[in-house]
């Protein structure tokens, strides 16, 4: 399967195929330049090695697993390693891993020598359905997520379904939460793929339909000036929950990103019957339906969300299946949105 992101001179292909990591050299030039392969300690080492083996002059660089690596410190270390490898503007960075590796690698590529080529090879469900395309790259600053970054489109994205076979079930469900988000706001057919005994049986089609929807949105609004904001559905509250209870830095227990987004979506669904259907899907997938996080703490982090400003915040609501609307609220109304226990 193949999708093409149509962005004029920044257009690129998204290849969706089991085993396509082995064919990286067919989709981008690896022969006459240095290739810096960025991965993390949680990704099976053979994936990055598969990429490096196709490049005459490659270096694999492994960062620690987890959100804590999306930091200024690790960003600086990666850039220094790229410089030590004598990379030039003509060279290539390939990210092999989940959203952390993709976000960090993309930002390093965007800023090294004011921009070098970047290829993204997402290896988790979460990154395959969402963060691998669209060109948003970023790191965190303290507890504030994705606040420093750049728009930098990849040259190609390789979605290798084989890399998902090593994922724990909870990580699969974590990624499926983002795909469910897409179904809720824009694709009832995608949503229907979840209302079965085991949605994992539909994994490849779920990933394909998620990327197809996101592609369409990004093509119309590359830099999030308008409708691309719909992809933030569930994220305003979700990021607040993640700041308080997310697995990040030294915090090794808690909730994953997709689980936080899942919790953040529930208060934004305005149709009670649809909310019941969504909760049933959460139970099937093993996603949380409630959390014991302090509302006050979540509120504190929401007030620092990058979508907040001038005393207001824009949130995405879902009035019914397959539709969404953006609503700008005064920050004083945030406490009433927090329908968490």
Protein backbone atom coordinates (compact mmCIF):
# COMPACT_ATOMS: atom_id res chain seq x y z
CA UNK A 1 0.00 0.00 0.00
CA UNK A 2 1.17 3.52 -0.72
CA UNK A 3 -0.10 7.00 0.07
CA UNK A 4 1.42 10.23 -1.24
CA UNK A 5 1.44 13.42 0.80
CA UNK A 6 0.76 16.16 -1.76
CA UNK A 7 2.65 19.26 -0.59
CA UNK A 8 4.04 20.51 -3.93
CA UNK A 9 7.86 20.48 -3.73
CA UNK A 10 7.71 18.91 -0.24
CA UNK A 11 5.57 15.93 -1.34
CA UNK A 12 6.58 12.45 -0.23
CA UNK A 13 5.46 8.83 -0.29
CA UNK A 14 4.20 6.85 2.69
CA UNK A 15 4.94 3.15 2.12
CA UNK A 16 2.80 0.70 4.14
CA UNK A 17 4.14 -2.81 3.73
CA UNK A 18 5.40 -5.65 5.92
CA UNK A 19 9.18 -5.87 5.52
CA UNK A 20 9.64 -2.51 3.80
CA UNK A 21 12.49 -1.51 6.17
CA UNK A 22 14.68 -3.90 4.18
CA UNK A 23 13.98 -1.84 1.07
CA UNK A 24 14.88 1.62 2.38
CA UNK A 25 17.57 2.02 -0.30
CA UNK A 26 14.87 1.76 -3.00
CA UNK A 27 13.02 4.80 -1.69
CA UNK A 28 15.85 7.21 -0.88
CA UNK A 29 19.50 7.64 -1.85
CA UNK A 30 21.73 5.97 0.75
CA UNK A 31 24.73 5.27 -1.51
CA UNK A 32 26.66 8.52 -1.76
CA UNK A 33 26.18 10.11 1.61
CA UNK A 34 26.47 9.60 5.33
CA UNK A 35 23.40 8.16 7.02
CA UNK A 36 22.80 8.83 10.72
CA UNK A 37 20.36 6.23 12.11
CA UNK A 38 18.66 7.41 15.30
CA UNK A 39 16.90 4.85 17.52
CA UNK A 40 16.24 4.25 21.20
CA UNK A 41 17.03 1.53 23.73
CA UNK A 42 13.46 0.19 23.67
CA UNK A 43 13.47 -0.56 19.94
CA UNK A 44 14.80 -3.99 18.88
CA UNK A 45 18.34 -3.25 17.68
CA UNK A 46 17.88 -5.25 14.48
CA UNK A 47 15.51 -2.61 13.04
CA UNK A 48 18.13 0.16 13.04
CA UNK A 49 20.74 -2.35 11.88
CA UNK A 50 18.54 -3.35 8.93
CA UNK A 51 18.62 0.31 7.85
CA UNK A 52 22.35 0.75 8.48
CA UNK A 53 23.22 -2.39 6.50
CA UNK A 54 21.82 -0.75 3.35
CA UNK A 55 24.11 2.27 3.68
CA UNK A 56 27.85 2.18 2.87
CA UNK A 57 28.55 4.94 5.43
CA UNK A 58 26.15 4.73 8.38
CA UNK A 59 26.23 5.31 12.12
CA UNK A 60 23.61 4.00 14.56
CA UNK A 61 23.03 6.27 17.55
CA UNK A 62 20.87 4.99 20.42
CA UNK A 63 19.17 7.31 22.92
CA UNK A 64 17.50 6.19 26.17
CA UNK A 65 13.91 5.00 25.79
CA UNK A 66 11.11 7.32 26.89
CA UNK A 67 9.71 10.83 26.74
CA UNK A 68 12.67 12.06 28.82
CA UNK A 69 14.82 11.90 25.68
CA UNK A 70 12.76 14.65 24.05
CA UNK A 71 14.87 17.17 25.95
CA UNK A 72 17.35 19.95 25.19
CA UNK A 73 20.10 17.81 26.70
CA UNK A 74 19.56 14.79 24.44
CA UNK A 75 18.85 17.06 21.45
CA UNK A 76 22.27 18.65 21.98
CA UNK A 77 23.94 15.26 22.32
CA UNK A 78 22.44 14.01 19.06
CA UNK A 79 23.51 17.16 17.19
CA UNK A 80 27.03 16.78 18.59
CA UNK A 81 27.13 13.14 17.45
CA UNK A 82 26.02 14.24 13.97
CA UNK A 83 28.79 16.83 13.90
CA UNK A 84 31.35 14.26 15.13
CA UNK A 85 30.23 12.02 12.24
CA UNK A 86 31.22 14.91 9.92
CA UNK A 87 27.73 15.17 8.46
CA UNK A 88 27.14 17.80 5.79
CA UNK A 89 24.01 19.41 4.38
CA UNK A 90 23.89 16.64 1.76
CA UNK A 91 23.58 13.83 4.32
CA UNK A 92 20.59 11.99 5.78
CA UNK A 93 19.04 11.28 9.19
CA UNK A 94 16.80 8.22 9.54
CA UNK A 95 14.61 7.81 12.65
CA UNK A 96 13.81 4.20 13.56
CA UNK A 97 11.44 3.95 16.52
CA UNK A 98 8.32 5.44 18.05
CA UNK A 99 7.09 8.99 18.37
CA UNK A 100 9.93 10.14 20.64
CA UNK A 101 12.58 9.08 18.12
CA UNK A 102 10.57 10.51 15.23
CA UNK A 103 9.92 13.86 16.92
CA UNK A 104 13.50 14.28 18.12
CA UNK A 105 15.08 13.01 14.90
CA UNK A 106 12.92 15.25 12.77
CA UNK A 107 13.85 18.31 14.85
CA UNK A 108 17.55 17.43 14.68
CA UNK A 109 17.26 17.08 10.89
CA UNK A 110 15.35 20.38 10.66
CA UNK A 111 17.94 22.32 12.63
CA UNK A 112 21.30 20.71 11.74
CA UNK A 113 22.92 23.03 9.18
CA UNK A 114 19.46 24.63 8.82
CA UNK A 115 17.94 21.45 7.49
CA UNK A 116 19.02 18.07 6.10
CA UNK A 117 17.03 15.19 4.62
CA UNK A 118 14.98 13.12 7.01
CA UNK A 119 13.37 9.67 6.66
CA UNK A 120 10.93 8.37 9.26
CA UNK A 121 10.54 4.64 10.03
CA UNK A 122 7.88 4.38 12.78
CA UNK A 123 7.95 1.09 14.70
CA UNK A 124 4.99 1.51 17.10
CA UNK A 125 1.25 1.63 16.43
CA UNK A 126 1.12 5.12 17.98
CA UNK A 127 3.74 6.55 15.62
CA UNK A 128 2.45 4.64 12.59
CA UNK A 129 -1.12 5.95 12.91
CA UNK A 130 -0.22 9.51 13.86
CA UNK A 131 3.10 11.23 14.47
CA UNK A 132 5.06 9.68 11.57
CA UNK A 133 3.54 12.00 8.96
CA UNK A 134 2.74 15.68 8.81
CA UNK A 135 6.13 17.22 9.56
CA UNK A 136 5.58 18.24 13.18
CA UNK A 137 8.88 17.80 15.01
CA UNK A 138 9.53 18.87 18.58
CA UNK A 139 11.09 18.40 21.98
CA UNK A 140 9.72 19.17 25.45
CA UNK A 141 10.85 21.93 27.79
CA UNK A 142 10.53 20.73 31.37
CA UNK A 143 6.97 19.45 31.77
CA UNK A 144 5.66 21.32 28.72
CA UNK A 145 5.28 18.98 25.77
CA UNK A 146 6.34 19.77 22.20
CA UNK A 147 6.92 23.46 22.92
CA UNK A 148 10.22 23.74 20.95
CA UNK A 149 10.23 22.44 17.41
CA UNK A 150 9.81 23.00 13.70
CA UNK A 151 7.72 21.90 10.75
CA UNK A 152 10.02 19.63 8.73
CA UNK A 153 8.59 17.13 6.26
CA UNK A 154 10.31 13.76 5.75
CA UNK A 155 11.50 12.59 2.32
CA UNK A 156 9.72 9.26 2.74
CA UNK A 157 7.95 7.38 5.54
CA UNK A 158 8.29 3.59 5.80
CA UNK A 159 5.49 1.94 7.79
CA UNK A 160 6.73 -1.63 8.26
CA UNK A 161 3.94 -3.72 9.81
CA UNK A 162 6.46 -6.41 10.80
CA UNK A 163 7.90 -4.08 13.47
CA UNK A 164 4.62 -4.27 15.38
CA UNK A 165 5.01 -7.98 16.13
CA UNK A 166 7.42 -7.25 19.00
CA UNK A 167 5.09 -4.73 20.72
CA UNK A 168 3.40 -5.56 24.03
CA UNK A 169 -0.43 -5.55 23.88
CA UNK A 170 -0.66 -2.42 26.01
CA UNK A 171 1.50 -0.52 23.53
CA UNK A 172 -0.73 -1.65 20.67
CA UNK A 173 -3.81 -0.36 22.53
CA UNK A 174 -1.95 2.88 23.33
CA UNK A 175 -1.52 3.52 19.61
CA UNK A 176 -5.02 2.44 18.71
CA UNK A 177 -6.38 5.24 20.93
CA UNK A 178 -5.02 7.81 18.44
CA UNK A 179 -6.58 5.88 15.54
CA UNK A 180 -9.91 5.83 17.38
CA UNK A 181 -9.60 9.61 17.73
CA UNK A 182 -9.39 9.86 13.95
CA UNK A 183 -12.42 7.62 13.48
CA UNK A 184 -14.46 9.67 15.96
CA UNK A 185 -13.89 13.04 14.31
CA UNK A 186 -13.63 12.10 10.65
CA UNK A 187 -14.10 8.50 9.55
CA UNK A 188 -17.12 6.45 10.72
CA UNK A 189 -15.84 3.44 8.70
CA UNK A 190 -12.59 3.54 10.67
CA UNK A 191 -14.59 3.79 13.91
CA UNK A 192 -16.59 0.70 12.90
CA UNK A 193 -13.36 -1.32 12.66
CA UNK A 194 -13.13 -0.97 16.46
CA UNK A 195 -16.62 -2.26 17.21
CA UNK A 196 -15.75 -5.92 16.89
CA UNK A 197 -14.51 -8.66 19.17
CA UNK A 198 -10.83 -7.92 18.50
CA UNK A 199 -9.94 -4.67 16.70
CA UNK A 200 -6.31 -5.87 16.46
CA UNK A 201 -7.43 -8.16 13.64
CA UNK A 202 -8.01 -4.98 11.59
CA UNK A 203 -4.67 -3.39 12.49
CA UNK A 204 -3.29 -2.80 8.98
CA UNK A 205 -6.54 -1.27 7.70
CA UNK A 206 -6.83 0.86 10.85
CA UNK A 207 -3.32 2.25 10.29
CA UNK A 208 -3.97 2.85 6.58
CA UNK A 209 -7.28 4.67 7.15
CA UNK A 210 -5.80 6.77 9.98
CA UNK A 211 -2.92 7.95 7.81
CA UNK A 212 -5.22 8.56 4.85
CA UNK A 213 -7.37 10.91 6.95
CA UNK A 214 -4.40 12.71 8.50
CA UNK A 215 -2.79 13.09 5.06
CA UNK A 216 -5.92 14.80 3.73
CA UNK A 217 -5.96 17.23 6.68
CA UNK A 218 -2.23 18.07 6.46
CA UNK A 219 -2.48 18.68 2.70
CA UNK A 220 -5.10 21.34 3.37
CA UNK A 221 -3.45 22.87 6.45
CA UNK A 222 0.24 22.02 6.73
CA UNK A 223 1.08 24.47 9.52
CA UNK A 224 -2.03 24.16 11.67
CA UNK A 225 -3.61 27.48 10.80
CA UNK A 226 -7.13 26.04 10.72
CA UNK A 227 -8.62 22.58 10.28
CA UNK A 228 -5.48 20.65 11.30
CA UNK A 229 -6.39 21.65 14.85
CA UNK A 230 -9.02 18.88 14.75
CA UNK A 231 -6.18 16.38 15.22
CA UNK A 232 -5.75 17.81 18.74
CA UNK A 233 -9.05 16.21 19.76
CA UNK A 234 -8.50 14.71 23.23
CA UNK A 235 -5.07 16.27 23.57
CA UNK A 236 -5.79 19.41 25.59
CA UNK A 237 -6.95 17.47 28.64
CA UNK A 238 -4.80 14.49 27.59
CA UNK A 239 -1.57 16.47 27.78
CA UNK A 240 -2.60 17.76 31.20
CA UNK A 241 -3.17 14.20 32.44
CA UNK A 242 0.12 13.13 30.86
CA UNK A 243 2.02 15.88 32.67
CA UNK A 244 0.64 14.64 36.00
CA UNK A 245 0.52 10.89 35.47
CA UNK A 246 2.35 10.12 32.22
CA UNK A 247 5.27 7.72 31.93
CA UNK A 248 8.09 10.16 31.31
CA UNK A 249 11.56 10.99 32.59
CA UNK A 250 12.15 9.11 35.85
CA UNK A 251 8.47 8.24 36.19
CA UNK A 252 8.34 4.62 35.07
CA UNK A 253 4.75 3.85 36.08
CA UNK A 254 1.60 5.64 35.03
CA UNK A 255 -0.18 6.24 31.75
CA UNK A 256 1.06 6.23 28.16
CA UNK A 257 0.32 9.07 25.73
CA UNK A 258 -2.52 7.28 23.94
CA UNK A 259 -4.12 6.32 27.26
CA UNK A 260 -4.05 9.99 28.32
CA UNK A 261 -5.58 11.07 25.00
CA UNK A 262 -8.29 8.42 25.41
CA UNK A 263 -9.22 9.92 28.80
CA UNK A 264 -9.04 13.42 27.32
CA UNK A 265 -11.52 12.55 24.55
CA UNK A 266 -14.37 11.40 26.79
CA UNK A 267 -15.38 14.85 28.18
CA UNK A 268 -15.27 16.27 24.63
CA UNK A 269 -17.87 13.88 23.18
CA UNK A 270 -21.27 15.58 23.32
CA UNK A 271 -23.41 12.59 22.31
CA UNK A 272 -24.15 10.34 25.33
CA UNK A 273 -24.89 7.27 23.19
CA UNK A 274 -21.57 7.72 21.36
CA UNK A 275 -19.74 8.11 24.68
CA UNK A 276 -21.13 4.72 25.77
CA UNK A 277 -19.91 3.11 22.53
CA UNK A 278 -16.46 4.64 23.01
CA UNK A 279 -16.24 3.41 26.60
CA UNK A 280 -17.14 -0.10 25.40
CA UNK A 281 -14.28 0.06 22.86
CA UNK A 282 -11.90 1.21 25.61
CA UNK A 283 -12.84 -1.84 27.66
CA UNK A 284 -12.27 -4.14 24.65
CA UNK A 285 -8.82 -2.62 24.07
CA UNK A 286 -7.90 -2.41 27.75
CA UNK A 287 -7.74 1.40 27.75
CA UNK A 288 -8.56 3.29 30.98
CA UNK A 289 -12.03 4.80 31.33
CA UNK A 290 -11.27 6.83 34.44
CA UNK A 291 -8.25 8.12 36.32
CA UNK A 292 -7.54 9.21 39.87
CA UNK A 293 -5.54 12.25 38.80
CA UNK A 294 -6.03 15.49 40.74
CA UNK A 295 -8.16 17.93 38.71
CA UNK A 296 -6.22 20.86 40.16
CA UNK A 297 -2.89 19.48 38.90
CA UNK A 298 -4.28 18.74 35.45
CA UNK A 299 -5.77 22.23 35.30
CA UNK A 300 -2.39 23.76 36.18
CA UNK A 301 -0.73 22.11 33.18
CA UNK A 302 -3.63 22.87 30.83
CA UNK A 303 -3.16 26.56 31.59
CA UNK A 304 0.36 26.25 30.16
CA UNK A 305 -0.78 24.44 27.02
CA UNK A 306 0.58 26.02 23.83
CA UNK A 307 -3.00 26.32 22.57
CA UNK A 308 -3.82 28.63 25.51
CA UNK A 309 -3.39 32.38 25.17
CA UNK A 310 -5.05 35.73 25.91
CA UNK A 311 -7.18 34.17 28.64
CA UNK A 312 -8.71 31.58 26.30
CA UNK A 313 -8.01 28.08 25.00
CA UNK A 314 -9.25 26.35 21.85
CA UNK A 315 -10.58 22.83 22.35
CA UNK A 316 -11.94 20.31 19.85
CA UNK A 317 -15.36 18.81 20.57
CA UNK A 318 -17.14 15.88 18.92
CA UNK A 319 -20.91 16.55 18.58
CA UNK A 320 -21.49 13.20 16.85
CA UNK A 321 -19.69 10.40 15.02
CA UNK A 322 -17.58 11.67 12.13
CA UNK A 323 -17.74 15.37 12.95
CA UNK A 324 -15.92 17.93 15.08
CA UNK A 325 -15.86 21.61 15.90
CA UNK A 326 -13.32 23.94 17.43
CA UNK A 327 -14.51 25.96 20.40
CA UNK A 328 -12.60 28.81 22.02
CA UNK A 329 -13.32 28.93 25.73
CA UNK A 330 -12.24 31.31 28.50
CA UNK A 331 -9.70 29.59 30.74
CA UNK A 332 -12.15 30.01 33.61
CA UNK A 333 -14.36 27.34 31.99
CA UNK A 334 -11.62 24.69 32.01
CA UNK A 335 -12.54 23.25 35.43
CA UNK A 336 -16.05 22.39 34.18
CA UNK A 337 -14.52 20.45 31.26
CA UNK A 338 -12.58 18.18 33.57
CA UNK A 339 -15.10 15.40 33.99
CA UNK A 340 -12.49 13.14 35.61
CA UNK A 341 -12.89 11.49 38.94
